[in-house]
N, C-alpha and C. Protein backbone atom coordinates (compact mmCIF):
# COMPACT_ATOMS: atom_id res chain seq x y z
N MET A 1 0.05 -25.15 11.05
CA MET A 1 0.96 -24.79 12.12
C MET A 1 2.38 -24.80 11.55
N GLY A 2 3.23 -23.92 12.05
CA GLY A 2 4.63 -23.93 11.65
C GLY A 2 5.31 -25.18 12.18
N PHE A 3 6.53 -25.40 11.78
CA PHE A 3 7.22 -26.63 12.16
C PHE A 3 8.16 -26.40 13.33
N GLU A 4 7.56 -26.16 14.51
CA GLU A 4 8.29 -26.08 15.75
C GLU A 4 7.81 -27.25 16.60
N LYS A 5 8.69 -28.20 16.84
CA LYS A 5 8.33 -29.45 17.50
C LYS A 5 7.68 -29.20 18.88
N ALA A 6 8.23 -28.30 19.65
CA ALA A 6 7.69 -28.05 20.99
C ALA A 6 6.27 -27.48 20.91
N ALA A 7 6.03 -26.56 20.00
CA ALA A 7 4.70 -25.97 19.85
C ALA A 7 3.69 -27.02 19.39
N MET A 8 4.11 -27.88 18.46
CA MET A 8 3.22 -28.93 17.96
C MET A 8 2.85 -29.90 19.09
N THR A 9 3.84 -30.30 19.86
CA THR A 9 3.61 -31.23 20.96
C THR A 9 2.69 -30.61 22.00
N ALA A 10 2.93 -29.35 22.34
CA ALA A 10 2.10 -28.66 23.33
C ALA A 10 0.65 -28.56 22.83
N ALA A 11 0.47 -28.19 21.58
CA ALA A 11 -0.89 -28.06 21.03
C ALA A 11 -1.61 -29.40 21.06
N GLN A 12 -0.91 -30.47 20.71
CA GLN A 12 -1.52 -31.80 20.74
C GLN A 12 -1.93 -32.20 22.15
N GLU A 13 -1.06 -31.92 23.11
CA GLU A 13 -1.36 -32.31 24.49
C GLU A 13 -2.49 -31.48 25.09
N ILE A 14 -2.49 -30.19 24.82
CA ILE A 14 -3.49 -29.31 25.42
C ILE A 14 -4.85 -29.47 24.73
N PHE A 15 -4.86 -29.47 23.39
CA PHE A 15 -6.12 -29.47 22.66
C PHE A 15 -6.58 -30.86 22.22
N LYS A 16 -5.74 -31.87 22.44
CA LYS A 16 -6.08 -33.25 22.04
C LYS A 16 -6.57 -33.30 20.59
N CYS A 17 -5.76 -32.72 19.71
CA CYS A 17 -6.17 -32.62 18.31
C CYS A 17 -5.06 -33.13 17.38
N LYS A 18 -5.42 -33.33 16.14
CA LYS A 18 -4.44 -33.72 15.13
C LYS A 18 -3.81 -32.44 14.59
N ILE A 19 -2.51 -32.44 14.47
CA ILE A 19 -1.78 -31.26 14.01
C ILE A 19 -1.39 -31.44 12.55
N PHE A 20 -1.67 -30.42 11.76
CA PHE A 20 -1.24 -30.40 10.37
C PHE A 20 -0.26 -29.25 10.20
N GLY A 21 0.86 -29.54 9.59
CA GLY A 21 1.85 -28.51 9.34
C GLY A 21 1.47 -27.68 8.13
N CYS A 22 1.97 -26.49 8.09
CA CYS A 22 1.74 -25.55 6.99
C CYS A 22 2.79 -25.80 5.91
N PHE A 23 2.35 -25.98 4.65
CA PHE A 23 3.29 -26.27 3.56
C PHE A 23 4.30 -25.13 3.39
N PHE A 24 3.86 -23.90 3.53
CA PHE A 24 4.77 -22.76 3.42
C PHE A 24 5.87 -22.85 4.47
N HIS A 25 5.49 -23.14 5.72
CA HIS A 25 6.48 -23.24 6.78
C HIS A 25 7.37 -24.48 6.60
N LEU A 26 6.82 -25.55 6.06
CA LEU A 26 7.63 -26.73 5.74
C LEU A 26 8.71 -26.35 4.73
N SER A 27 8.31 -25.64 3.69
CA SER A 27 9.28 -25.22 2.66
C SER A 27 10.34 -24.30 3.24
N GLN A 28 9.91 -23.39 4.11
CA GLN A 28 10.87 -22.50 4.77
C GLN A 28 11.86 -23.30 5.61
N SER A 29 11.35 -24.27 6.34
CA SER A 29 12.20 -25.11 7.20
C SER A 29 13.21 -25.88 6.36
N MET A 30 12.75 -26.42 5.24
CA MET A 30 13.65 -27.17 4.36
C MET A 30 14.73 -26.24 3.78
N PHE A 31 14.33 -25.03 3.40
CA PHE A 31 15.30 -24.11 2.83
C PHE A 31 16.31 -23.65 3.88
N ARG A 32 15.85 -23.45 5.12
CA ARG A 32 16.79 -23.10 6.20
C ARG A 32 17.83 -24.20 6.36
N ARG A 33 17.40 -25.43 6.19
CA ARG A 33 18.32 -26.56 6.30
C ARG A 33 19.37 -26.51 5.19
N VAL A 34 18.95 -26.14 4.00
CA VAL A 34 19.90 -25.97 2.88
C VAL A 34 20.94 -24.92 3.27
N LYS A 35 20.48 -23.80 3.85
CA LYS A 35 21.39 -22.73 4.23
C LYS A 35 22.34 -23.15 5.35
N THR A 36 21.79 -23.78 6.41
CA THR A 36 22.63 -24.12 7.55
C THR A 36 23.65 -25.20 7.23
N ARG A 37 23.37 -26.00 6.22
CA ARG A 37 24.33 -27.03 5.82
C ARG A 37 25.33 -26.52 4.78
N GLY A 38 25.24 -25.23 4.46
CA GLY A 38 26.22 -24.62 3.56
C GLY A 38 25.97 -24.86 2.08
N TYR A 39 24.71 -25.13 1.70
CA TYR A 39 24.40 -25.41 0.29
C TYR A 39 23.73 -24.24 -0.43
N LEU A 40 23.74 -23.07 0.15
CA LEU A 40 23.04 -21.93 -0.46
C LEU A 40 23.62 -21.58 -1.84
N LYS A 41 24.94 -21.56 -1.94
CA LYS A 41 25.58 -21.25 -3.22
C LYS A 41 25.26 -22.34 -4.25
N THR A 42 25.29 -23.60 -3.81
CA THR A 42 24.96 -24.71 -4.69
C THR A 42 23.51 -24.58 -5.16
N TYR A 43 22.62 -24.23 -4.25
CA TYR A 43 21.21 -24.05 -4.60
C TYR A 43 21.06 -22.96 -5.66
N ALA A 44 21.79 -21.87 -5.49
CA ALA A 44 21.68 -20.74 -6.41
C ALA A 44 22.26 -21.06 -7.79
N LEU A 45 23.32 -21.87 -7.85
CA LEU A 45 24.04 -22.07 -9.11
C LEU A 45 23.78 -23.40 -9.81
N ASP A 46 23.32 -24.39 -9.09
CA ASP A 46 23.19 -25.74 -9.65
C ASP A 46 21.72 -26.08 -9.92
N ASP A 47 21.34 -26.10 -11.20
CA ASP A 47 19.95 -26.40 -11.58
C ASP A 47 19.51 -27.77 -11.09
N GLN A 48 20.38 -28.76 -11.17
CA GLN A 48 20.03 -30.12 -10.75
C GLN A 48 19.76 -30.18 -9.24
N PHE A 49 20.59 -29.48 -8.47
CA PHE A 49 20.39 -29.43 -7.02
C PHE A 49 19.05 -28.79 -6.70
N ARG A 50 18.76 -27.65 -7.35
CA ARG A 50 17.50 -26.94 -7.13
C ARG A 50 16.30 -27.81 -7.52
N HIS A 51 16.44 -28.54 -8.63
CA HIS A 51 15.38 -29.45 -9.08
C HIS A 51 15.16 -30.56 -8.04
N SER A 52 16.25 -31.10 -7.51
CA SER A 52 16.15 -32.14 -6.48
C SER A 52 15.43 -31.61 -5.24
N PHE A 53 15.75 -30.38 -4.86
CA PHE A 53 15.09 -29.75 -3.71
C PHE A 53 13.59 -29.67 -3.95
N LYS A 54 13.20 -29.28 -5.15
CA LYS A 54 11.77 -29.18 -5.48
C LYS A 54 11.09 -30.54 -5.51
N LEU A 55 11.82 -31.56 -5.91
CA LEU A 55 11.25 -32.92 -5.88
C LEU A 55 10.98 -33.35 -4.44
N VAL A 56 11.88 -33.00 -3.54
CA VAL A 56 11.66 -33.33 -2.13
C VAL A 56 10.44 -32.56 -1.61
N GLN A 57 10.32 -31.29 -1.98
CA GLN A 57 9.13 -30.52 -1.59
C GLN A 57 7.86 -31.17 -2.13
N ALA A 58 7.92 -31.68 -3.34
CA ALA A 58 6.74 -32.26 -4.00
C ALA A 58 6.24 -33.52 -3.30
N LEU A 59 7.07 -34.15 -2.48
CA LEU A 59 6.62 -35.32 -1.73
C LEU A 59 5.36 -35.02 -0.92
N ALA A 60 5.21 -33.79 -0.49
CA ALA A 60 4.05 -33.40 0.32
C ALA A 60 2.74 -33.53 -0.44
N PHE A 61 2.81 -33.59 -1.77
CA PHE A 61 1.59 -33.63 -2.58
C PHE A 61 1.23 -35.04 -3.05
N LEU A 62 2.02 -36.02 -2.63
CA LEU A 62 1.72 -37.41 -2.99
C LEU A 62 0.79 -38.04 -1.95
N PRO A 63 0.03 -39.07 -2.36
CA PRO A 63 -0.74 -39.80 -1.35
C PRO A 63 0.21 -40.34 -0.27
N VAL A 64 -0.24 -40.31 0.98
CA VAL A 64 0.60 -40.72 2.11
C VAL A 64 1.25 -42.08 1.87
N GLN A 65 0.47 -43.04 1.34
CA GLN A 65 0.99 -44.40 1.15
C GLN A 65 2.10 -44.46 0.08
N ASP A 66 2.26 -43.43 -0.75
CA ASP A 66 3.29 -43.43 -1.80
C ASP A 66 4.56 -42.70 -1.39
N VAL A 67 4.54 -42.00 -0.27
CA VAL A 67 5.66 -41.15 0.11
C VAL A 67 6.93 -41.94 0.41
N LEU A 68 6.85 -42.99 1.21
CA LEU A 68 8.06 -43.75 1.57
C LEU A 68 8.73 -44.36 0.36
N VAL A 69 7.94 -44.93 -0.55
CA VAL A 69 8.51 -45.49 -1.78
C VAL A 69 9.18 -44.39 -2.59
N SER A 70 8.55 -43.23 -2.65
CA SER A 70 9.12 -42.10 -3.41
C SER A 70 10.41 -41.59 -2.78
N ILE A 71 10.47 -41.58 -1.45
CA ILE A 71 11.71 -41.18 -0.78
C ILE A 71 12.83 -42.17 -1.13
N THR A 72 12.51 -43.45 -1.15
CA THR A 72 13.50 -44.47 -1.52
C THR A 72 14.00 -44.23 -2.93
N ILE A 73 13.10 -43.93 -3.84
CA ILE A 73 13.49 -43.66 -5.23
C ILE A 73 14.36 -42.41 -5.32
N LEU A 74 13.96 -41.35 -4.61
CA LEU A 74 14.77 -40.13 -4.62
C LEU A 74 16.16 -40.38 -4.05
N ASN A 75 16.22 -41.11 -2.95
CA ASN A 75 17.51 -41.42 -2.35
C ASN A 75 18.40 -42.18 -3.31
N ALA A 76 17.83 -43.13 -4.04
CA ALA A 76 18.61 -43.96 -4.97
C ALA A 76 19.04 -43.19 -6.21
N CYS A 77 18.21 -42.28 -6.68
CA CYS A 77 18.47 -41.64 -7.98
C CYS A 77 19.21 -40.31 -7.91
N ILE A 78 18.85 -39.46 -6.98
CA ILE A 78 19.37 -38.09 -7.08
C ILE A 78 20.05 -37.55 -5.84
N LEU A 79 19.80 -38.12 -4.70
CA LEU A 79 20.31 -37.50 -3.48
C LEU A 79 21.59 -38.16 -3.01
N THR A 80 22.47 -37.32 -2.48
CA THR A 80 23.71 -37.86 -1.95
C THR A 80 23.55 -38.26 -0.49
N GLN A 81 22.57 -37.66 0.18
CA GLN A 81 22.30 -38.00 1.57
C GLN A 81 20.88 -38.54 1.67
N ARG A 82 20.69 -39.47 2.56
CA ARG A 82 19.36 -40.05 2.75
C ARG A 82 18.42 -39.03 3.39
N VAL A 83 17.23 -38.90 2.84
CA VAL A 83 16.23 -38.01 3.40
C VAL A 83 15.39 -38.79 4.39
N ILE A 84 15.39 -38.36 5.62
CA ILE A 84 14.55 -38.97 6.65
C ILE A 84 13.66 -37.86 7.20
N PRO A 85 12.34 -37.97 7.00
CA PRO A 85 11.46 -36.90 7.50
C PRO A 85 11.58 -36.74 9.02
N LEU A 86 11.67 -35.48 9.46
CA LEU A 86 11.76 -35.19 10.89
C LEU A 86 10.40 -35.29 11.58
N TYR A 87 9.34 -35.12 10.81
CA TYR A 87 7.98 -35.17 11.33
C TYR A 87 7.23 -36.30 10.63
N SER A 88 6.18 -36.78 11.26
CA SER A 88 5.42 -37.85 10.63
C SER A 88 4.87 -37.37 9.28
N ILE A 89 4.76 -38.28 8.35
CA ILE A 89 4.29 -37.94 7.01
C ILE A 89 2.91 -37.29 7.09
N GLU A 90 2.05 -37.80 7.94
CA GLU A 90 0.70 -37.25 8.06
C GLU A 90 0.70 -35.79 8.50
N THR A 91 1.75 -35.36 9.20
CA THR A 91 1.83 -33.98 9.66
C THR A 91 2.10 -33.02 8.51
N TRP A 92 2.99 -33.39 7.59
CA TRP A 92 3.37 -32.45 6.53
C TRP A 92 2.77 -32.76 5.17
N ASN A 93 2.09 -33.87 5.04
CA ASN A 93 1.51 -34.23 3.75
C ASN A 93 0.23 -33.43 3.51
N VAL A 94 0.09 -32.87 2.31
CA VAL A 94 -1.07 -32.03 1.99
C VAL A 94 -1.99 -32.67 0.94
N PHE A 95 -1.71 -33.91 0.55
CA PHE A 95 -2.48 -34.56 -0.52
C PHE A 95 -3.99 -34.53 -0.22
N ASP A 96 -4.38 -35.02 0.95
CA ASP A 96 -5.81 -35.05 1.29
C ASP A 96 -6.40 -33.66 1.43
N ARG A 97 -5.62 -32.73 1.95
CA ARG A 97 -6.12 -31.36 2.09
C ARG A 97 -6.37 -30.74 0.71
N VAL A 98 -5.47 -30.98 -0.23
CA VAL A 98 -5.67 -30.45 -1.58
C VAL A 98 -6.90 -31.10 -2.21
N LYS A 99 -7.01 -32.40 -2.04
CA LYS A 99 -8.15 -33.14 -2.60
C LYS A 99 -9.48 -32.64 -2.03
N ARG A 100 -9.47 -32.30 -0.75
CA ARG A 100 -10.70 -31.83 -0.09
C ARG A 100 -10.86 -30.31 -0.18
N ARG A 101 -9.97 -29.67 -0.91
CA ARG A 101 -10.00 -28.22 -1.12
C ARG A 101 -9.84 -27.44 0.19
N LEU A 102 -9.00 -27.98 1.06
CA LEU A 102 -8.67 -27.31 2.32
C LEU A 102 -7.35 -26.58 2.15
N PRO A 103 -7.07 -25.61 2.99
CA PRO A 103 -5.82 -24.85 2.85
C PRO A 103 -4.58 -25.72 3.07
N ARG A 104 -3.53 -25.45 2.31
CA ARG A 104 -2.24 -26.13 2.47
C ARG A 104 -1.37 -25.35 3.44
N THR A 105 -1.74 -24.11 3.67
CA THR A 105 -0.93 -23.24 4.53
C THR A 105 -1.82 -22.69 5.63
N ASN A 106 -1.20 -22.00 6.55
CA ASN A 106 -1.98 -21.32 7.58
C ASN A 106 -2.01 -19.83 7.29
N ASN A 107 -2.02 -19.46 6.01
CA ASN A 107 -2.07 -18.05 5.63
C ASN A 107 -3.28 -17.34 6.22
N ASN A 108 -4.41 -18.08 6.38
CA ASN A 108 -5.58 -17.46 6.97
C ASN A 108 -5.30 -17.03 8.41
N VAL A 109 -4.53 -17.81 9.14
CA VAL A 109 -4.16 -17.45 10.51
C VAL A 109 -3.18 -16.27 10.48
N GLU A 110 -2.22 -16.33 9.56
CA GLU A 110 -1.26 -15.23 9.41
C GLU A 110 -2.01 -13.94 9.05
N ASN A 111 -3.00 -14.06 8.18
CA ASN A 111 -3.80 -12.92 7.77
C ASN A 111 -4.56 -12.33 8.97
N TRP A 112 -5.17 -13.21 9.77
CA TRP A 112 -5.90 -12.76 10.95
C TRP A 112 -4.94 -12.04 11.90
N HIS A 113 -3.78 -12.63 12.12
CA HIS A 113 -2.80 -12.04 13.03
C HIS A 113 -2.39 -10.65 12.55
N SER A 114 -2.15 -10.51 11.25
CA SER A 114 -1.77 -9.20 10.71
C SER A 114 -2.90 -8.18 10.89
N ARG A 115 -4.12 -8.61 10.66
CA ARG A 115 -5.28 -7.72 10.79
C ARG A 115 -5.42 -7.24 12.23
N ILE A 116 -5.32 -8.16 13.18
CA ILE A 116 -5.43 -7.80 14.59
C ILE A 116 -4.26 -6.92 15.02
N GLN A 117 -3.07 -7.28 14.57
CA GLN A 117 -1.88 -6.53 14.96
C GLN A 117 -1.98 -5.07 14.51
N ALA A 118 -2.51 -4.86 13.30
CA ALA A 118 -2.66 -3.49 12.80
C ALA A 118 -3.60 -2.69 13.69
N ASP A 119 -4.68 -3.30 14.16
CA ASP A 119 -5.61 -2.61 15.04
C ASP A 119 -5.01 -2.36 16.41
N VAL A 120 -4.26 -3.31 16.91
CA VAL A 120 -3.70 -3.21 18.26
C VAL A 120 -2.64 -2.12 18.35
N ARG A 121 -1.98 -1.81 17.24
CA ARG A 121 -0.92 -0.78 17.27
C ARG A 121 -1.49 0.62 17.49
N LYS A 122 -2.78 0.80 17.21
CA LYS A 122 -3.41 2.10 17.44
C LYS A 122 -3.60 2.29 18.94
N LYS A 123 -3.68 3.55 19.33
CA LYS A 123 -4.02 3.81 20.73
C LYS A 123 -5.47 3.43 20.90
N MET A 124 -5.71 2.48 21.78
CA MET A 124 -7.06 1.96 21.94
C MET A 124 -7.48 1.97 23.39
N ASN A 125 -8.77 2.16 23.58
CA ASN A 125 -9.33 2.01 24.92
C ASN A 125 -10.01 0.65 24.99
N MET A 126 -10.52 0.31 26.14
CA MET A 126 -11.12 -1.01 26.35
C MET A 126 -12.32 -1.25 25.43
N LEU A 127 -13.13 -0.23 25.21
CA LEU A 127 -14.29 -0.39 24.33
C LEU A 127 -13.87 -0.73 22.90
N MET A 128 -12.78 -0.16 22.44
CA MET A 128 -12.28 -0.45 21.08
C MET A 128 -11.81 -1.91 21.00
N VAL A 129 -11.13 -2.36 22.04
CA VAL A 129 -10.65 -3.75 22.06
C VAL A 129 -11.84 -4.71 22.04
N VAL A 130 -12.84 -4.42 22.86
CA VAL A 130 -14.04 -5.26 22.90
C VAL A 130 -14.71 -5.28 21.53
N GLU A 131 -14.78 -4.14 20.86
CA GLU A 131 -15.42 -4.08 19.53
C GLU A 131 -14.64 -4.92 18.51
N ILE A 132 -13.32 -4.87 18.54
CA ILE A 132 -12.50 -5.69 17.64
C ILE A 132 -12.76 -7.17 17.89
N LEU A 133 -12.80 -7.55 19.16
CA LEU A 133 -13.07 -8.95 19.49
C LEU A 133 -14.49 -9.36 19.09
N ARG A 134 -15.45 -8.46 19.25
CA ARG A 134 -16.82 -8.74 18.84
C ARG A 134 -16.91 -8.97 17.33
N LEU A 135 -16.23 -8.12 16.56
CA LEU A 135 -16.22 -8.28 15.10
C LEU A 135 -15.55 -9.59 14.69
N GLU A 136 -14.47 -9.95 15.35
CA GLU A 136 -13.80 -11.22 15.07
C GLU A 136 -14.70 -12.40 15.40
N GLN A 137 -15.41 -12.31 16.52
CA GLN A 137 -16.34 -13.37 16.90
C GLN A 137 -17.44 -13.52 15.85
N SER A 138 -17.96 -12.41 15.39
CA SER A 138 -19.01 -12.43 14.37
C SER A 138 -18.50 -13.07 13.09
N LYS A 139 -17.28 -12.71 12.69
CA LYS A 139 -16.69 -13.30 11.48
C LYS A 139 -16.50 -14.81 11.67
N SER A 140 -16.02 -15.21 12.86
CA SER A 140 -15.83 -16.64 13.14
C SER A 140 -17.15 -17.40 13.08
N GLU A 141 -18.21 -16.80 13.63
CA GLU A 141 -19.51 -17.46 13.59
C GLU A 141 -20.03 -17.59 12.16
N ASN A 142 -19.82 -16.57 11.35
CA ASN A 142 -20.21 -16.64 9.94
C ASN A 142 -19.42 -17.72 9.20
N ASP A 143 -18.11 -17.77 9.45
CA ASP A 143 -17.27 -18.80 8.82
C ASP A 143 -17.73 -20.19 9.24
N TYR A 144 -18.06 -20.36 10.52
CA TYR A 144 -18.53 -21.65 11.01
C TYR A 144 -19.82 -22.05 10.31
N ALA A 145 -20.74 -21.10 10.14
CA ALA A 145 -22.00 -21.39 9.47
C ALA A 145 -21.76 -21.85 8.03
N ILE A 146 -20.83 -21.21 7.35
CA ILE A 146 -20.50 -21.60 5.97
C ILE A 146 -19.90 -23.00 5.94
N LEU A 147 -18.97 -23.28 6.85
CA LEU A 147 -18.34 -24.59 6.90
C LEU A 147 -19.32 -25.68 7.29
N SER A 148 -20.25 -25.37 8.19
CA SER A 148 -21.18 -26.40 8.68
C SER A 148 -22.16 -26.86 7.61
N ILE A 149 -22.36 -26.07 6.56
CA ILE A 149 -23.23 -26.52 5.47
C ILE A 149 -22.42 -27.14 4.32
N GLY A 150 -21.12 -27.34 4.58
CA GLY A 150 -20.29 -28.05 3.62
C GLY A 150 -19.63 -27.19 2.57
N GLU A 151 -19.71 -25.89 2.69
CA GLU A 151 -19.04 -25.00 1.73
C GLU A 151 -17.61 -24.74 2.16
N VAL A 152 -16.81 -24.26 1.22
CA VAL A 152 -15.41 -23.94 1.47
C VAL A 152 -15.29 -22.43 1.63
N LEU A 153 -14.53 -22.01 2.63
CA LEU A 153 -14.31 -20.59 2.83
C LEU A 153 -13.49 -20.00 1.70
N LYS A 154 -13.85 -18.81 1.30
CA LYS A 154 -13.06 -18.11 0.27
C LYS A 154 -11.96 -17.35 0.98
N THR A 155 -10.76 -17.43 0.44
CA THR A 155 -9.64 -16.73 1.08
C THR A 155 -9.28 -15.49 0.33
């Protein structure tokens, strides 16, 4: 899921599920913060600043129990401002997902959305819409069968 607090809260309340953020969207959010704070030129020209930014991004790949200690080390060594995560570590951390060979991003959802959007832009009648939904349902059922036997989906 992207990093929109209201959407995450709504999804948790409605679906009663654990929310995992998308690493790609986390990186985008962090970079937007660099831009809004006026550090874009510094990012472009200062290798050390850019390296520090990448170290902060890399926190997502550490075991959850090591993240707070690593933030303390980063704050002491390289950062001029204290980094305080806006979301819980479990939301943006991808260590376990990488270890379990699960996606770090929601590119599969983005891919599905693009595929559907391309079909929807055509002039369609109700039968065409039903056929698209039927094909998507069939694909979902096949994916579920693959996952239920413990295999990983190919992207």
